C-alpha atoms as a PDB file:
ATOM      1  CA  MET A   1      -9.116  19.402   9.070  1.00  0.00           C
ATOM      2  CA  ARG A   2      -7.695  17.138   6.460  1.00  0.00           C
ATOM      3  CA  TYR A   3      -9.648  13.859   5.318  1.00  0.00           C
ATOM      4  CA  ARG A   4      -7.771  11.045   5.307  1.00  0.00           C
ATOM      5  CA  ASP A   5      -8.943   7.674   3.475  1.00  0.00           C
ATOM      6  CA  HIS A   6      -9.685   4.835   5.914  1.00  0.00           C
ATOM      7  CA  ARG A   7      -6.352   2.668   6.112  1.00  0.00           C
ATOM      8  CA  PHE A   8      -6.769  -1.116   6.081  1.00  0.00           C
ATOM      9  CA  PRO A   9      -3.731  -3.420   7.618  1.00  0.00           C
ATOM     10  CA  ALA A  10      -1.858  -5.548   4.707  1.00  0.00           C
ATOM     11  CA  ASP A  11       0.716  -7.897   4.847  1.00  0.00           C
ATOM     12  CA  LYS A  12       1.440  -8.885   1.214  1.00  0.00           C
ATOM     13  CA  GLU A  13       4.750  -8.816  -0.389  1.00  0.00           C
ATOM     14  CA  LEU A  14       5.413  -6.762  -3.287  1.00  0.00           C
ATOM     15  CA  LYS A  15       8.200  -5.690  -5.897  1.00  0.00           C
ATOM     16  CA  VAL A  16       9.097  -2.120  -6.007  1.00  0.00           C
ATOM     17  CA  LEU A  17      10.714  -0.933  -9.364  1.00  0.00           C
ATOM     18  CA  LEU A  18      12.652   2.372  -9.262  1.00  0.00           C
ATOM     19  CA  GLN A  19      14.191   3.127 -12.600  1.00  0.00           C
ATOM     20  CA  ASP A  20      16.177   0.054 -13.395  1.00  0.00           C
ATOM     21  CA  GLU A  21      16.199  -1.348  -9.765  1.00  0.00           C
ATOM     22  CA  VAL A  22      13.872  -3.895  -8.359  1.00  0.00           C
ATOM     23  CA  ARG A  23      13.465  -4.128  -4.658  1.00  0.00           C
ATOM     24  CA  GLN A  24      11.347  -6.530  -2.402  1.00  0.00           C
ATOM     25  CA  ALA A  25       9.097  -4.943  -0.009  1.00  0.00           C
ATOM     26  CA  SER A  26       5.971  -5.478   2.153  1.00  0.00           C
ATOM     27  CA  PHE A  27       2.893  -3.554   2.751  1.00  0.00           C
ATOM     28  CA  ILE A  28       1.849  -2.539   6.260  1.00  0.00           C
ATOM     29  CA  ASP A  29      -1.346  -0.684   5.457  1.00  0.00           C
ATOM     30  CA  ILE A  30      -2.983   0.420   2.638  1.00  0.00           C
ATOM     31  CA  SER A  31      -5.971   2.926   1.386  1.00  0.00           C
ATOM     32  CA  SER A  32      -7.348   4.039  -1.912  1.00  0.00           C
ATOM     33  CA  THR A  33      -5.148   6.824  -2.115  1.00  0.00           C
ATOM     34  CA  GLY A  34      -1.687   5.525  -0.425  1.00  0.00           C
ATOM     35  CA  ALA A  35       0.130   2.871   1.423  1.00  0.00           C
ATOM     36  CA  ARG A  36       2.814   2.236   4.370  1.00  0.00           C
ATOM     37  CA  LEU A  37       5.648  -0.101   3.151  1.00  0.00           C
ATOM     38  CA  SER A  38       8.367  -2.068   5.088  1.00  0.00           C
ATOM     39  CA  LYS A  39      11.299  -3.987   4.351  1.00  0.00           C
ATOM     40  CA  LEU A  40      12.682  -1.455   1.970  1.00  0.00           C
ATOM     41  CA  ALA A  41      15.696   0.814   2.032  1.00  0.00           C
ATOM     42  CA  GLN A  42      15.346   4.589   2.326  1.00  0.00           C
ATOM     43  CA  LEU A  43      14.081   5.834  -1.145  1.00  0.00           C
ATOM     44  CA  PRO A  44      14.319   9.481  -2.354  1.00  0.00           C
ATOM     45  CA  LYS A  45      11.088  11.768  -1.458  1.00  0.00           C
ATOM     46  CA  ASP A  46       8.956  12.458  -4.690  1.00  0.00           C
ATOM     47  CA  ALA A  47      10.618   9.479  -6.422  1.00  0.00           C
ATOM     48  CA  VAL A  48       7.860   7.879  -8.657  1.00  0.00           C
ATOM     49  CA  VAL A  49       8.059   3.828  -8.182  1.00  0.00           C
ATOM     50  CA  THR A  50       5.758   1.089  -9.654  1.00  0.00           C
ATOM     51  CA  LEU A  51       4.414  -1.303  -7.219  1.00  0.00           C
ATOM     52  CA  CYS A  52       4.012  -4.856  -8.493  1.00  0.00           C
ATOM     53  CA  GLN A  53       1.991  -7.454  -6.995  1.00  0.00           C
ATOM     54  CA  MET A  54      -0.120 -10.178  -8.874  1.00  0.00           C
ATOM     55  CA  GLN A  55      -0.901  -8.751 -12.348  1.00  0.00           C
ATOM     56  CA  MET A  56      -1.266  -5.295 -10.697  1.00  0.00           C
ATOM     57  CA  ARG A  57       1.129  -2.339 -11.725  1.00  0.00           C
ATOM     58  CA  ILE A  58       0.657   0.854  -9.553  1.00  0.00           C
ATOM     59  CA  GLN A  59       2.624   4.081  -9.911  1.00  0.00           C
ATOM     60  CA  ALA A  60       3.177   5.952  -6.818  1.00  0.00           C
ATOM     61  CA  LYS A  61       5.060   8.902  -5.615  1.00  0.00           C
ATOM     62  CA  VAL A  62       7.177   8.353  -2.459  1.00  0.00           C
ATOM     63  CA  VAL A  63       5.811  11.014   0.163  1.00  0.00           C
ATOM     64  CA  TRP A  64       8.361  10.128   3.075  1.00  0.00           C
ATOM     65  CA  SER A  65      10.877   7.332   3.778  1.00  0.00           C
ATOM     66  CA  ASN A  66      13.295   6.544   6.575  1.00  0.00           C
ATOM     67  CA  GLU A  67      15.313   3.148   7.489  1.00  0.00           C
ATOM     68  CA  ARG A  68      12.035   1.540   8.778  1.00  0.00           C
ATOM     69  CA  HIS A  69       9.022   2.581   6.639  1.00  0.00           C
ATOM     70  CA  THR A  70       8.160   4.298   3.437  1.00  0.00           C
ATOM     71  CA  GLY A  71       4.946   6.261   2.680  1.00  0.00           C
ATOM     72  CA  VAL A  72       3.556   6.538  -0.932  1.00  0.00           C
ATOM     73  CA  HIS A  73       0.950   8.331  -2.588  1.00  0.00           C
ATOM     74  CA  PHE A  74      -0.526   6.660  -5.718  1.00  0.00           C
ATOM     75  CA  LEU A  75      -0.980   8.474  -8.744  1.00  0.00           C
ATOM     76  CA  ARG A  76      -4.382   7.459  -9.099  1.00  0.00           C
ATOM     77  CA  PRO A  77      -6.976   6.268  -6.496  1.00  0.00           C
ATOM     78  CA  LEU A  78      -7.423   2.356  -6.115  1.00  0.00           C
ATOM     79  CA  THR A  79     -10.864   0.782  -6.723  1.00  0.00           C
ATOM     80  CA  PRO A  80     -12.101  -1.058  -3.488  1.00  0.00           C
ATOM     81  CA  PHE A  81     -11.549  -4.296  -5.568  1.00  0.00           C
ATOM     82  CA  GLU A  82      -7.697  -3.456  -5.868  1.00  0.00           C
ATOM     83  CA  VAL A  83      -7.574  -2.298  -2.142  1.00  0.00           C
ATOM     84  CA  SER A  84      -8.980  -5.733  -1.113  1.00  0.00           C
ATOM     85  CA  ALA A  85      -6.927  -7.540  -3.324  1.00  0.00           C
ATOM     86  CA  LEU A  86      -3.740  -5.583  -1.992  1.00  0.00           C
ATOM     87  CA  ARG A  87      -4.455  -6.576   1.609  1.00  0.00           C
ATOM     88  CA  GLY A  88      -3.530  -9.888   1.957  1.00  0.00           C
ATOM     89  CA  ALA A  89      -4.008 -12.214   5.270  1.00  0.00           C
ATOM     90  CA  ALA A  90      -3.825  -9.192   7.433  1.00  0.00           C
ATOM     91  CA  GLY A  91      -7.183  -7.991   5.992  1.00  0.00           C
ATOM     92  CA  HIS A  92      -8.847 -11.691   5.840  1.00  0.00           C
ATOM     93  CA  GLY A  93     -11.952 -11.641   7.905  1.00  0.00           C
ATOM     94  CA  PHE A  94     -12.913  -8.209   7.249  1.00  0.00           C
ATOM     95  CA  GLY A  95     -15.148  -7.342   4.330  1.00  0.00           C
ATOM     96  CA  THR A  96     -14.763  -4.235   2.306  1.00  0.00           C
ATOM     97  CA  GLY A  97     -16.817  -1.288   3.094  1.00  0.00           C
ATOM     98  CA  HIS A  98     -17.171  -2.345   7.020  1.00  0.00           C
ATOM     99  CA  GLN A  99     -14.449  -0.144   8.226  1.00  0.00           C
ATOM    100  CA  GLY A 100     -12.842  -3.101  10.046  1.00  0.00           C
ATOM    101  CA  LEU A 101     -15.830  -3.792  11.981  1.00  0.00           C
ATOM    102  CA  ARG A 102     -17.445  -7.516  12.012  1.00  0.00           C
ATOM    103  CA  GLU A 103     -20.907  -8.734  13.390  1.00  0.00           C
ATOM    104  CA  LEU A 104     -20.862 -10.247  16.563  1.00  0.00           C
ATOM    105  CA  SER A 105     -22.324 -13.911  16.706  1.00  0.00           C
END
């Protein structure tokens, strides 16, 4: 059985740099080790891209890509703070480290 980091929903826009080309995309979900992106034309498998959001520049490798979504693996794991910052409004209301659960009032 393969361990997989918890994925959090995300909806922030970002820029994807592939060599000299800049493309617009959105996060669908994110974990400390990778992300799923949308609004992005198909990318070649194993291409190294730079994800740019706010002042962050994150190097990632394309694991798979089709006409709808792209999966990337980060070249270094993200910190919990970085994951939280990249999640956007989709992650609002869920504290980091709670695996998406909230206390009932």
